[in-house]
Amino acid sequence: MNPFLRIVAATALALSFCVAPPARAEGARGQSKEEAVLRQLVAEQAEAWNRHDAAAWSKDFAPDADFINIVGSVFRGRAEIEQRHAFVFARVFKESHTQVTVSQVRFLEPGVAVVDMEHVVTGYTGLPPGVQPTEPGVLRTRMRFVMKRTGGRWWIVAGQNTDVKPAPAPPAQQGPGPAAQQP
């Protein structure tokens, strides 16, 4: 092989190790464009909660989505999800504020993702039956969305919200048992 071509080939090979393909370069920065879109969707939904706007909060649910709320009730379809959130925004959560942190975005395959979030809700005037504050004045929940890209945009196809229970009280100190009292 011609020495000049050998140098060009060696240089090209060396450069190929220095230049990452676009997908790897995005990963190196921490998140892909698709992940950024999903995180933005979650941020907009939190803003809608803080405005107590059920239509905006529900807009990214697919028309046939399912949502399991904090007490285990199942809402079927975007219309019912919106209706039930309008109800709670007008009552126990009408003064509430949520802070949402995305803890994980996992792509199961292109166009399908699971998004896990931590919610911290304050300012509520009451809680649904069976739900207790995680700590005084604070309700923490874990939310999971299954999302699917259809028609060029991401939709929530399923969601579940689970309350984080308060920490159990420490056990009471007990004196020595009968076995300890024997000589």
N, C-alpha and C. Protein backbone atom coordinates (compact mmCIF):
# COMPACT_ATOMS: atom_id res chain seq x y z
N MET A 1 0.85 -1.18 0.00
CA MET A 1 0.00 0.00 0.00
C MET A 1 0.89 1.24 0.00
N ASN A 2 0.47 2.24 -0.71
CA ASN A 2 1.14 3.52 -0.82
C ASN A 2 1.30 4.13 0.58
N PRO A 3 2.49 4.65 0.94
CA PRO A 3 2.72 5.22 2.27
C PRO A 3 1.74 6.36 2.59
N PHE A 4 1.41 7.18 1.61
CA PHE A 4 0.46 8.28 1.83
C PHE A 4 -0.91 7.73 2.22
N LEU A 5 -1.39 6.69 1.51
CA LEU A 5 -2.68 6.10 1.80
C LEU A 5 -2.67 5.43 3.17
N ARG A 6 -1.53 4.85 3.52
CA ARG A 6 -1.40 4.22 4.83
C ARG A 6 -1.57 5.27 5.94
N ILE A 7 -0.97 6.44 5.77
CA ILE A 7 -1.08 7.52 6.75
C ILE A 7 -2.53 8.02 6.83
N VAL A 8 -3.18 8.18 5.67
CA VAL A 8 -4.57 8.65 5.63
C VAL A 8 -5.47 7.63 6.33
N ALA A 9 -5.27 6.34 6.05
CA ALA A 9 -6.08 5.29 6.67
C ALA A 9 -5.87 5.26 8.18
N ALA A 10 -4.62 5.38 8.62
CA ALA A 10 -4.32 5.36 10.06
C ALA A 10 -4.94 6.58 10.75
N THR A 11 -4.87 7.74 10.08
CA THR A 11 -5.46 8.95 10.65
C THR A 11 -6.98 8.81 10.74
N ALA A 12 -7.60 8.29 9.70
CA ALA A 12 -9.06 8.08 9.72
C ALA A 12 -9.45 7.12 10.83
N LEU A 13 -8.68 6.05 10.99
CA LEU A 13 -8.97 5.09 12.04
C LEU A 13 -8.83 5.75 13.42
N ALA A 14 -7.80 6.51 13.63
CA ALA A 14 -7.57 7.18 14.92
C ALA A 14 -8.71 8.17 15.20
N LEU A 15 -9.13 8.92 14.20
CA LEU A 15 -10.21 9.89 14.38
C LEU A 15 -11.53 9.20 14.69
N SER A 16 -11.73 8.00 14.15
CA SER A 16 -13.00 7.31 14.41
C SER A 16 -13.15 6.96 15.88
N PHE A 17 -12.05 6.82 16.62
CA PHE A 17 -12.12 6.55 18.04
C PHE A 17 -12.38 7.82 18.84
N CYS A 18 -12.17 8.98 18.26
CA CYS A 18 -12.33 10.24 18.97
C CYS A 18 -13.71 10.85 18.78
N VAL A 19 -14.41 10.46 17.74
CA VAL A 19 -15.69 11.07 17.43
C VAL A 19 -16.79 10.06 17.76
N ALA A 20 -17.66 10.42 18.70
CA ALA A 20 -18.76 9.52 19.07
C ALA A 20 -19.94 9.78 18.15
N PRO A 21 -20.71 8.74 17.84
CA PRO A 21 -21.93 8.97 17.06
C PRO A 21 -22.89 9.84 17.87
N PRO A 22 -23.85 10.52 17.23
CA PRO A 22 -24.73 11.44 17.93
C PRO A 22 -25.43 10.84 19.14
N ALA A 23 -25.92 9.60 19.06
CA ALA A 23 -26.63 9.00 20.20
C ALA A 23 -25.71 8.86 21.40
N ARG A 24 -24.47 8.46 21.17
CA ARG A 24 -23.53 8.33 22.28
C ARG A 24 -23.18 9.71 22.84
N ALA A 25 -23.03 10.69 21.98
CA ALA A 25 -22.70 12.02 22.45
C ALA A 25 -23.82 12.56 23.33
N GLU A 26 -25.08 12.31 22.97
CA GLU A 26 -26.18 12.76 23.80
C GLU A 26 -26.14 12.06 25.15
N GLY A 27 -25.89 10.75 25.15
CA GLY A 27 -25.82 10.00 26.39
C GLY A 27 -24.73 10.52 27.30
N ALA A 28 -23.63 10.93 26.71
CA ALA A 28 -22.52 11.44 27.50
C ALA A 28 -22.90 12.74 28.20
N ARG A 29 -23.81 13.50 27.63
CA ARG A 29 -24.26 14.75 28.24
C ARG A 29 -25.32 14.49 29.31
N GLY A 30 -25.79 13.26 29.46
CA GLY A 30 -26.72 12.96 30.53
C GLY A 30 -28.11 12.55 30.10
N GLN A 31 -28.61 13.03 28.97
CA GLN A 31 -29.93 12.61 28.55
C GLN A 31 -30.11 12.81 27.06
N SER A 32 -30.95 11.98 26.48
CA SER A 32 -31.24 12.09 25.06
C SER A 32 -32.31 13.16 24.83
N LYS A 33 -32.51 13.49 23.59
CA LYS A 33 -33.57 14.44 23.23
C LYS A 33 -34.93 13.90 23.67
N GLU A 34 -35.15 12.60 23.47
CA GLU A 34 -36.42 11.99 23.86
C GLU A 34 -36.63 12.08 25.37
N GLU A 35 -35.59 11.82 26.15
CA GLU A 35 -35.71 11.92 27.60
C GLU A 35 -36.01 13.36 28.01
N ALA A 36 -35.37 14.31 27.37
CA ALA A 36 -35.62 15.72 27.68
C ALA A 36 -37.09 16.08 27.42
N VAL A 37 -37.65 15.55 26.34
CA VAL A 37 -39.06 15.80 26.02
C VAL A 37 -39.95 15.24 27.13
N LEU A 38 -39.66 14.03 27.59
CA LEU A 38 -40.47 13.42 28.65
C LEU A 38 -40.34 14.19 29.96
N ARG A 39 -39.14 14.64 30.28
CA ARG A 39 -38.95 15.42 31.51
C ARG A 39 -39.70 16.75 31.42
N GLN A 40 -39.73 17.35 30.24
CA GLN A 40 -40.47 18.60 30.06
C GLN A 40 -41.97 18.37 30.22
N LEU A 41 -42.46 17.27 29.69
CA LEU A 41 -43.88 16.93 29.83
C LEU A 41 -44.25 16.83 31.32
N VAL A 42 -43.40 16.16 32.10
CA VAL A 42 -43.64 16.03 33.54
C VAL A 42 -43.61 17.40 34.22
N ALA A 43 -42.67 18.25 33.84
CA ALA A 43 -42.57 19.59 34.43
C ALA A 43 -43.83 20.41 34.13
N GLU A 44 -44.32 20.32 32.90
CA GLU A 44 -45.54 21.04 32.54
C GLU A 44 -46.75 20.51 33.31
N GLN A 45 -46.77 19.20 33.53
CA GLN A 45 -47.87 18.62 34.29
C GLN A 45 -47.84 19.11 35.74
N ALA A 46 -46.65 19.21 36.34
CA ALA A 46 -46.53 19.73 37.71
C ALA A 46 -47.00 21.18 37.76
N GLU A 47 -46.64 21.96 36.76
CA GLU A 47 -47.11 23.36 36.71
C GLU A 47 -48.63 23.41 36.64
N ALA A 48 -49.22 22.51 35.86
CA ALA A 48 -50.69 22.47 35.75
C ALA A 48 -51.31 22.11 37.10
N TRP A 49 -50.70 21.16 37.84
CA TRP A 49 -51.19 20.82 39.18
C TRP A 49 -51.17 22.07 40.05
N ASN A 50 -50.08 22.81 40.02
CA ASN A 50 -49.94 23.98 40.88
C ASN A 50 -50.89 25.10 40.50
N ARG A 51 -51.43 25.08 39.29
CA ARG A 51 -52.48 26.03 38.86
C ARG A 51 -53.87 25.44 39.11
N HIS A 52 -53.90 24.15 39.50
CA HIS A 52 -55.15 23.42 39.73
C HIS A 52 -55.99 23.36 38.45
N ASP A 53 -55.31 23.10 37.35
CA ASP A 53 -55.89 23.07 36.01
C ASP A 53 -55.97 21.61 35.55
N ALA A 54 -57.12 20.99 35.76
CA ALA A 54 -57.29 19.56 35.45
C ALA A 54 -57.16 19.28 33.96
N ALA A 55 -57.63 20.18 33.11
CA ALA A 55 -57.52 19.95 31.66
C ALA A 55 -56.05 19.92 31.24
N ALA A 56 -55.25 20.87 31.73
CA ALA A 56 -53.83 20.90 31.38
C ALA A 56 -53.10 19.73 32.01
N TRP A 57 -53.48 19.35 33.25
CA TRP A 57 -52.82 18.22 33.90
C TRP A 57 -53.06 16.93 33.14
N SER A 58 -54.22 16.79 32.53
CA SER A 58 -54.62 15.54 31.87
C SER A 58 -54.33 15.51 30.38
N LYS A 59 -53.89 16.59 29.79
CA LYS A 59 -53.79 16.70 28.33
C LYS A 59 -52.86 15.70 27.66
N ASP A 60 -51.88 15.18 28.38
CA ASP A 60 -50.93 14.26 27.78
C ASP A 60 -51.29 12.79 27.98
N PHE A 61 -52.43 12.53 28.60
CA PHE A 61 -52.91 11.15 28.69
C PHE A 61 -53.53 10.78 27.35
N ALA A 62 -53.26 9.58 26.89
CA ALA A 62 -53.90 9.08 25.66
C ALA A 62 -55.41 9.03 25.89
N PRO A 63 -56.19 9.17 24.84
CA PRO A 63 -57.65 9.12 25.02
C PRO A 63 -58.13 7.86 25.74
N ASP A 64 -57.42 6.74 25.58
CA ASP A 64 -57.84 5.48 26.22
C ASP A 64 -56.91 5.08 27.37
N ALA A 65 -56.22 6.04 27.97
CA ALA A 65 -55.29 5.76 29.06
C ALA A 65 -56.01 5.24 30.30
N ASP A 66 -55.26 4.53 31.13
CA ASP A 66 -55.74 4.12 32.45
C ASP A 66 -54.87 4.80 33.50
N PHE A 67 -55.50 5.19 34.61
CA PHE A 67 -54.77 5.81 35.71
C PHE A 67 -55.30 5.24 37.02
N ILE A 68 -54.39 4.74 37.86
CA ILE A 68 -54.75 4.26 39.18
C ILE A 68 -54.33 5.33 40.17
N ASN A 69 -55.32 5.86 40.90
CA ASN A 69 -54.99 6.97 41.80
C ASN A 69 -54.44 6.48 43.13
N ILE A 70 -54.23 7.41 44.02
CA ILE A 70 -53.55 7.16 45.28
C ILE A 70 -54.29 6.19 46.20
N VAL A 71 -55.62 6.04 46.02
CA VAL A 71 -56.38 5.11 46.86
C VAL A 71 -56.75 3.84 46.10
N GLY A 72 -56.22 3.69 44.89
CA GLY A 72 -56.45 2.46 44.13
C GLY A 72 -57.63 2.49 43.18
N SER A 73 -58.30 3.64 43.06
CA SER A 73 -59.39 3.74 42.08
C SER A 73 -58.81 3.80 40.68
N VAL A 74 -59.49 3.16 39.74
CA VAL A 74 -59.02 3.13 38.35
C VAL A 74 -59.89 4.09 37.53
N PHE A 75 -59.22 5.00 36.84
CA PHE A 75 -59.90 5.91 35.93
C PHE A 75 -59.57 5.48 34.51
N ARG A 76 -60.57 5.35 33.68
CA ARG A 76 -60.38 4.87 32.32
C ARG A 76 -60.65 6.01 31.33
N GLY A 77 -59.63 6.34 30.58
CA GLY A 77 -59.76 7.37 29.56
C GLY A 77 -59.41 8.76 30.07
N ARG A 78 -58.90 9.58 29.15
CA ARG A 78 -58.49 10.95 29.50
C ARG A 78 -59.64 11.74 30.09
N ALA A 79 -60.85 11.59 29.56
CA ALA A 79 -61.98 12.37 30.05
C ALA A 79 -62.25 12.09 31.53
N GLU A 80 -62.23 10.81 31.93
CA GLU A 80 -62.47 10.48 33.33
C GLU A 80 -61.30 10.94 34.21
N ILE A 81 -60.08 10.81 33.71
CA ILE A 81 -58.91 11.27 34.47
C ILE A 81 -59.02 12.77 34.72
N GLU A 82 -59.39 13.52 33.71
CA GLU A 82 -59.56 14.96 33.86
C GLU A 82 -60.70 15.29 34.83
N GLN A 83 -61.82 14.61 34.68
CA GLN A 83 -62.98 14.86 35.54
C GLN A 83 -62.65 14.61 37.02
N ARG A 84 -61.97 13.52 37.32
CA ARG A 84 -61.64 13.19 38.70
C ARG A 84 -60.61 14.18 39.28
N HIS A 85 -59.69 14.65 38.44
CA HIS A 85 -58.74 15.64 38.93
C HIS A 85 -59.39 17.01 39.11
N ALA A 86 -60.35 17.35 38.28
CA ALA A 86 -61.09 18.60 38.49
C ALA A 86 -61.81 18.55 39.84
N PHE A 87 -62.33 17.38 40.18
CA PHE A 87 -63.02 17.20 41.46
C PHE A 87 -62.07 17.45 42.64
N VAL A 88 -60.89 16.81 42.64
CA VAL A 88 -59.98 16.99 43.78
C VAL A 88 -59.34 18.37 43.78
N PHE A 89 -59.13 18.97 42.59
CA PHE A 89 -58.58 20.33 42.55
C PHE A 89 -59.58 21.34 43.11
N ALA A 90 -60.86 21.02 43.07
CA ALA A 90 -61.88 21.92 43.61
C ALA A 90 -62.11 21.69 45.10
N ARG A 91 -61.51 20.64 45.65
CA ARG A 91 -61.76 20.31 47.05
C ARG A 91 -60.45 20.18 47.84
N VAL A 92 -60.03 18.96 48.16
CA VAL A 92 -58.93 18.76 49.09
C VAL A 92 -57.58 19.26 48.59
N PHE A 93 -57.40 19.33 47.26
CA PHE A 93 -56.11 19.78 46.73
C PHE A 93 -56.20 21.18 46.11
N LYS A 94 -57.24 21.95 46.45
CA LYS A 94 -57.43 23.25 45.79
C LYS A 94 -56.36 24.28 46.16
N GLU A 95 -55.71 24.12 47.29
CA GLU A 95 -54.64 25.04 47.69
C GLU A 95 -53.28 24.35 47.67
N SER A 96 -53.23 23.16 47.11
CA SER A 96 -51.99 22.36 47.19
C SER A 96 -50.93 22.84 46.20
N HIS A 97 -49.73 22.41 46.50
CA HIS A 97 -48.58 22.66 45.65
C HIS A 97 -47.80 21.36 45.55
N THR A 98 -47.34 21.02 44.36
CA THR A 98 -46.53 19.82 44.20
C THR A 98 -45.16 20.17 43.66
N GLN A 99 -44.20 19.43 44.12
CA GLN A 99 -42.85 19.50 43.58
C GLN A 99 -42.55 18.09 43.08
N VAL A 100 -42.19 17.99 41.80
CA VAL A 100 -42.00 16.69 41.17
C VAL A 100 -40.55 16.53 40.73
N THR A 101 -39.99 15.38 41.07
CA THR A 101 -38.65 15.04 40.63
C THR A 101 -38.71 13.74 39.85
N VAL A 102 -38.22 13.77 38.62
CA VAL A 102 -38.14 12.55 37.83
C VAL A 102 -36.95 11.75 38.37
N SER A 103 -37.23 10.54 38.84
CA SER A 103 -36.15 9.71 39.39
C SER A 103 -35.55 8.77 38.35
N GLN A 104 -36.33 8.43 37.33
CA GLN A 104 -35.80 7.52 36.30
C GLN A 104 -36.65 7.60 35.04
N VAL A 105 -35.97 7.58 33.91
CA VAL A 105 -36.62 7.41 32.61
C VAL A 105 -35.95 6.20 31.98
N ARG A 106 -36.76 5.20 31.68
CA ARG A 106 -36.22 3.96 31.11
C ARG A 106 -36.96 3.68 29.80
N PHE A 107 -36.19 3.57 28.72
CA PHE A 107 -36.76 3.26 27.42
C PHE A 107 -36.78 1.75 27.24
N LEU A 108 -37.98 1.20 27.11
CA LEU A 108 -38.13 -0.24 26.93
C LEU A 108 -37.81 -0.64 25.50
N GLU A 109 -38.11 0.24 24.59
CA GLU A 109 -37.80 0.11 23.17
C GLU A 109 -38.02 1.49 22.57
N PRO A 110 -37.59 1.74 21.35
CA PRO A 110 -37.84 3.07 20.78
C PRO A 110 -39.34 3.39 20.80
N GLY A 111 -39.67 4.52 21.36
CA GLY A 111 -41.06 4.95 21.39
C GLY A 111 -41.87 4.44 22.57
N VAL A 112 -41.25 3.72 23.50
CA VAL A 112 -41.95 3.25 24.70
C VAL A 112 -41.03 3.50 25.90
N ALA A 113 -41.57 4.19 26.92
CA ALA A 113 -40.75 4.53 28.08
C ALA A 113 -41.56 4.40 29.37
N VAL A 114 -40.84 4.14 30.45
CA VAL A 114 -41.41 4.16 31.79
C VAL A 114 -40.75 5.33 32.51
N VAL A 115 -41.58 6.20 33.09
CA VAL A 115 -41.08 7.38 33.79
C VAL A 115 -41.51 7.27 35.25
N ASP A 116 -40.53 7.27 36.16
CA ASP A 116 -40.80 7.22 37.59
C ASP A 116 -40.54 8.60 38.18
N MET A 117 -41.44 9.02 39.08
CA MET A 117 -41.36 10.35 39.68
C MET A 117 -41.60 10.28 41.17
N GLU A 118 -41.03 11.24 41.86
CA GLU A 118 -41.30 11.46 43.29
C GLU A 118 -42.07 12.77 43.38
N HIS A 119 -43.21 12.76 44.08
CA HIS A 119 -44.03 13.96 44.27
C HIS A 119 -44.01 14.34 45.75
N VAL A 120 -43.90 15.62 46.01
CA VAL A 120 -44.01 16.16 47.36
C VAL A 120 -45.15 17.18 47.30
N VAL A 121 -46.26 16.86 47.98
CA VAL A 121 -47.45 17.70 47.93
C VAL A 121 -47.63 18.36 49.29
N THR A 122 -47.81 19.67 49.27
CA THR A 122 -48.06 20.45 50.48
C THR A 122 -49.27 21.35 50.24
N GLY A 123 -49.77 21.96 51.29
CA GLY A 123 -50.85 22.93 51.17
C GLY A 123 -52.22 22.33 50.93
N TYR A 124 -52.38 21.05 51.10
CA TYR A 124 -53.69 20.42 50.91
C TYR A 124 -54.56 20.71 52.13
N THR A 125 -55.89 20.65 51.93
CA THR A 125 -56.81 20.92 53.03
C THR A 125 -57.35 19.63 53.65
N GLY A 126 -57.04 18.53 53.07
CA GLY A 126 -57.46 17.23 53.56
C GLY A 126 -56.87 16.18 52.64
N LEU A 127 -57.05 14.93 52.99
CA LEU A 127 -56.56 13.84 52.15
C LEU A 127 -57.68 12.83 51.95
N PRO A 128 -57.63 12.10 50.85
CA PRO A 128 -58.66 11.09 50.62
C PRO A 128 -58.68 10.06 51.75
N PRO A 129 -59.81 9.42 51.98
CA PRO A 129 -59.89 8.39 53.03
C PRO A 129 -58.80 7.33 52.86
N GLY A 130 -58.14 7.01 53.96
CA GLY A 130 -57.09 6.00 53.94
C GLY A 130 -55.70 6.52 53.64
N VAL A 131 -55.60 7.77 53.22
CA VAL A 131 -54.30 8.36 52.91
C VAL A 131 -53.86 9.21 54.10
N GLN A 132 -52.62 9.01 54.53
CA GLN A 132 -52.07 9.77 55.65
C GLN A 132 -50.91 10.62 55.15
N PRO A 133 -50.68 11.76 55.79
CA PRO A 133 -49.48 12.51 55.42
C PRO A 133 -48.24 11.67 55.72
N THR A 134 -47.24 11.80 54.89
CA THR A 134 -45.99 11.07 55.09
C THR A 134 -45.26 11.63 56.31
N GLU A 135 -45.40 12.91 56.47
CA GLU A 135 -44.89 13.63 57.65
C GLU A 135 -45.82 14.82 57.82
N PRO A 136 -45.83 15.50 58.95
CA PRO A 136 -46.80 16.57 59.15
C PRO A 136 -46.80 17.60 58.00
N GLY A 137 -47.97 17.75 57.37
CA GLY A 137 -48.15 18.72 56.30
C GLY A 137 -47.56 18.34 54.95
N VAL A 138 -47.02 17.14 54.83
CA VAL A 138 -46.36 16.72 53.59
C VAL A 138 -46.88 15.34 53.17
N LEU A 139 -47.33 15.26 51.94
CA LEU A 139 -47.71 13.99 51.34
C LEU A 139 -46.70 13.69 50.25
N ARG A 140 -46.03 12.57 50.39
CA ARG A 140 -45.09 12.12 49.36
C ARG A 140 -45.73 10.96 48.61
N THR A 141 -45.58 11.00 47.30
CA THR A 141 -46.10 9.90 46.49
C THR A 141 -45.05 9.51 45.46
N ARG A 142 -45.21 8.29 44.96
CA ARG A 142 -44.41 7.81 43.83
C ARG A 142 -45.37 7.58 42.68
N MET A 143 -45.05 8.18 41.57
CA MET A 143 -45.89 8.08 40.38
C MET A 143 -45.09 7.38 39.29
N ARG A 144 -45.77 6.52 38.55
CA ARG A 144 -45.15 5.85 37.40
C ARG A 144 -46.06 6.03 36.20
N PHE A 145 -45.45 6.45 35.10
CA PHE A 145 -46.15 6.54 33.82
C PHE A 145 -45.52 5.58 32.83
N VAL A 146 -46.35 4.91 32.06
CA VAL A 146 -45.91 4.19 30.88
C VAL A 146 -46.28 5.10 29.72
N MET A 147 -45.29 5.42 28.90
CA MET A 147 -45.50 6.40 27.84
C MET A 147 -45.17 5.79 26.48
N LYS A 148 -45.91 6.27 25.48
CA LYS A 148 -45.72 5.75 24.13
C LYS A 148 -45.74 6.91 23.15
N ARG A 149 -44.79 6.88 22.22
CA ARG A 149 -44.75 7.91 21.18
C ARG A 149 -45.63 7.44 20.03
N THR A 150 -46.64 8.22 19.73
CA THR A 150 -47.58 7.92 18.65
C THR A 150 -47.89 9.22 17.92
N GLY A 151 -47.88 9.16 16.60
CA GLY A 151 -48.20 10.36 15.84
C GLY A 151 -47.24 11.50 16.09
N GLY A 152 -45.99 11.17 16.39
CA GLY A 152 -44.97 12.21 16.57
C GLY A 152 -44.95 12.85 17.94
N ARG A 153 -45.75 12.37 18.88
CA ARG A 153 -45.71 12.94 20.23
C ARG A 153 -45.85 11.84 21.26
N TRP A 154 -45.46 12.17 22.50
CA TRP A 154 -45.53 11.22 23.60
C TRP A 154 -46.87 11.31 24.30
N TRP A 155 -47.43 10.14 24.63
CA TRP A 155 -48.69 10.04 25.36
C TRP A 155 -48.49 9.18 26.60
N ILE A 156 -49.17 9.53 27.67
CA ILE A 156 -49.21 8.67 28.85
C ILE A 156 -50.30 7.64 28.57
N VAL A 157 -49.92 6.37 28.52
CA VAL A 157 -50.92 5.32 28.25
C VAL A 157 -51.38 4.64 29.54
N ALA A 158 -50.56 4.72 30.59
CA ALA A 158 -50.94 4.16 31.89
C ALA A 158 -50.18 4.90 32.97
N GLY A 159 -50.84 5.08 34.11
CA GLY A 159 -50.20 5.73 35.23
C GLY A 159 -50.68 5.15 36.54
N GLN A 160 -49.82 5.24 37.54
CA GLN A 160 -50.20 4.82 38.89
C GLN A 160 -49.51 5.72 39.89
N ASN A 161 -50.28 6.13 40.91
CA ASN A 161 -49.79 6.99 41.96
C ASN A 161 -49.92 6.24 43.29
N THR A 162 -48.85 6.15 44.04
CA THR A 162 -48.84 5.42 45.31
C THR A 162 -48.31 6.33 46.40
N ASP A 163 -49.06 6.41 47.51
CA ASP A 163 -48.59 7.26 48.61
C ASP A 163 -47.49 6.57 49.38
N VAL A 164 -46.55 7.37 49.85
CA VAL A 164 -45.46 6.88 50.69
C VAL A 164 -45.96 6.95 52.12
N LYS A 165 -46.03 5.82 52.76
CA LYS A 165 -46.57 5.74 54.12
C LYS A 165 -45.63 6.42 55.12
N PRO A 166 -46.21 6.93 56.22
CA PRO A 166 -45.35 7.50 57.27
C PRO A 166 -44.46 6.42 57.86
N ALA A 167 -43.32 6.83 58.34
CA ALA A 167 -42.41 5.89 59.00
C ALA A 167 -43.08 5.37 60.26
N PRO A 168 -42.93 4.08 60.53
CA PRO A 168 -43.52 3.54 61.76
C PRO A 168 -42.86 4.15 63.00
N ALA A 169 -43.64 4.23 64.06
CA ALA A 169 -43.10 4.74 65.32
C ALA A 169 -42.06 3.77 65.84
N PRO A 170 -41.02 4.28 66.49
CA PRO A 170 -40.02 3.36 67.04
C PRO A 170 -40.65 2.50 68.12
N PRO A 171 -40.19 1.26 68.24
CA PRO A 171 -40.77 0.38 69.27
C PRO A 171 -40.52 0.95 70.67
N ALA A 172 -41.49 0.74 71.54
CA ALA A 172 -41.35 1.22 72.92
C ALA A 172 -40.28 0.40 73.62
N GLN A 173 -39.53 1.05 74.47
CA GLN A 173 -38.50 0.35 75.24
C GLN A 173 -39.19 -0.54 76.25
N GLN A 174 -38.80 -1.78 76.30
CA GLN A 174 -39.38 -2.72 77.25
C GLN A 174 -38.28 -3.17 78.21
N GLY A 175 -38.69 -3.47 79.42
CA GLY A 175 -37.75 -3.99 80.40
C GLY A 175 -37.34 -5.41 80.04
N PRO A 176 -36.43 -5.98 80.78
CA PRO A 176 -36.00 -7.34 80.49
C PRO A 176 -37.16 -8.32 80.63
N GLY A 177 -37.23 -9.30 79.75
CA GLY A 177 -38.28 -10.30 79.75
C GLY A 177 -38.07 -11.31 80.87
N PRO A 178 -39.00 -12.25 81.04
CA PRO A 178 -38.91 -13.23 82.11
C PRO A 178 -37.63 -14.04 82.08
N ALA A 179 -37.12 -14.37 80.91
CA ALA A 179 -35.91 -15.17 80.84
C ALA A 179 -34.72 -14.40 81.41
N ALA A 180 -34.71 -13.09 81.25
CA ALA A 180 -33.59 -12.29 81.74
C ALA A 180 -33.61 -12.15 83.25
N GLN A 181 -34.76 -12.37 83.89
CA GLN A 181 -34.84 -12.20 85.33
C GLN A 181 -34.43 -13.46 86.09
N GLN A 182 -34.22 -14.56 85.44
CA GLN A 182 -33.82 -15.79 86.14
C GLN A 182 -32.37 -15.70 86.59
N PRO A 183 -32.04 -16.30 87.79
CA PRO A 183 -30.65 -16.24 88.28
C PRO A 183 -29.70 -17.04 87.44
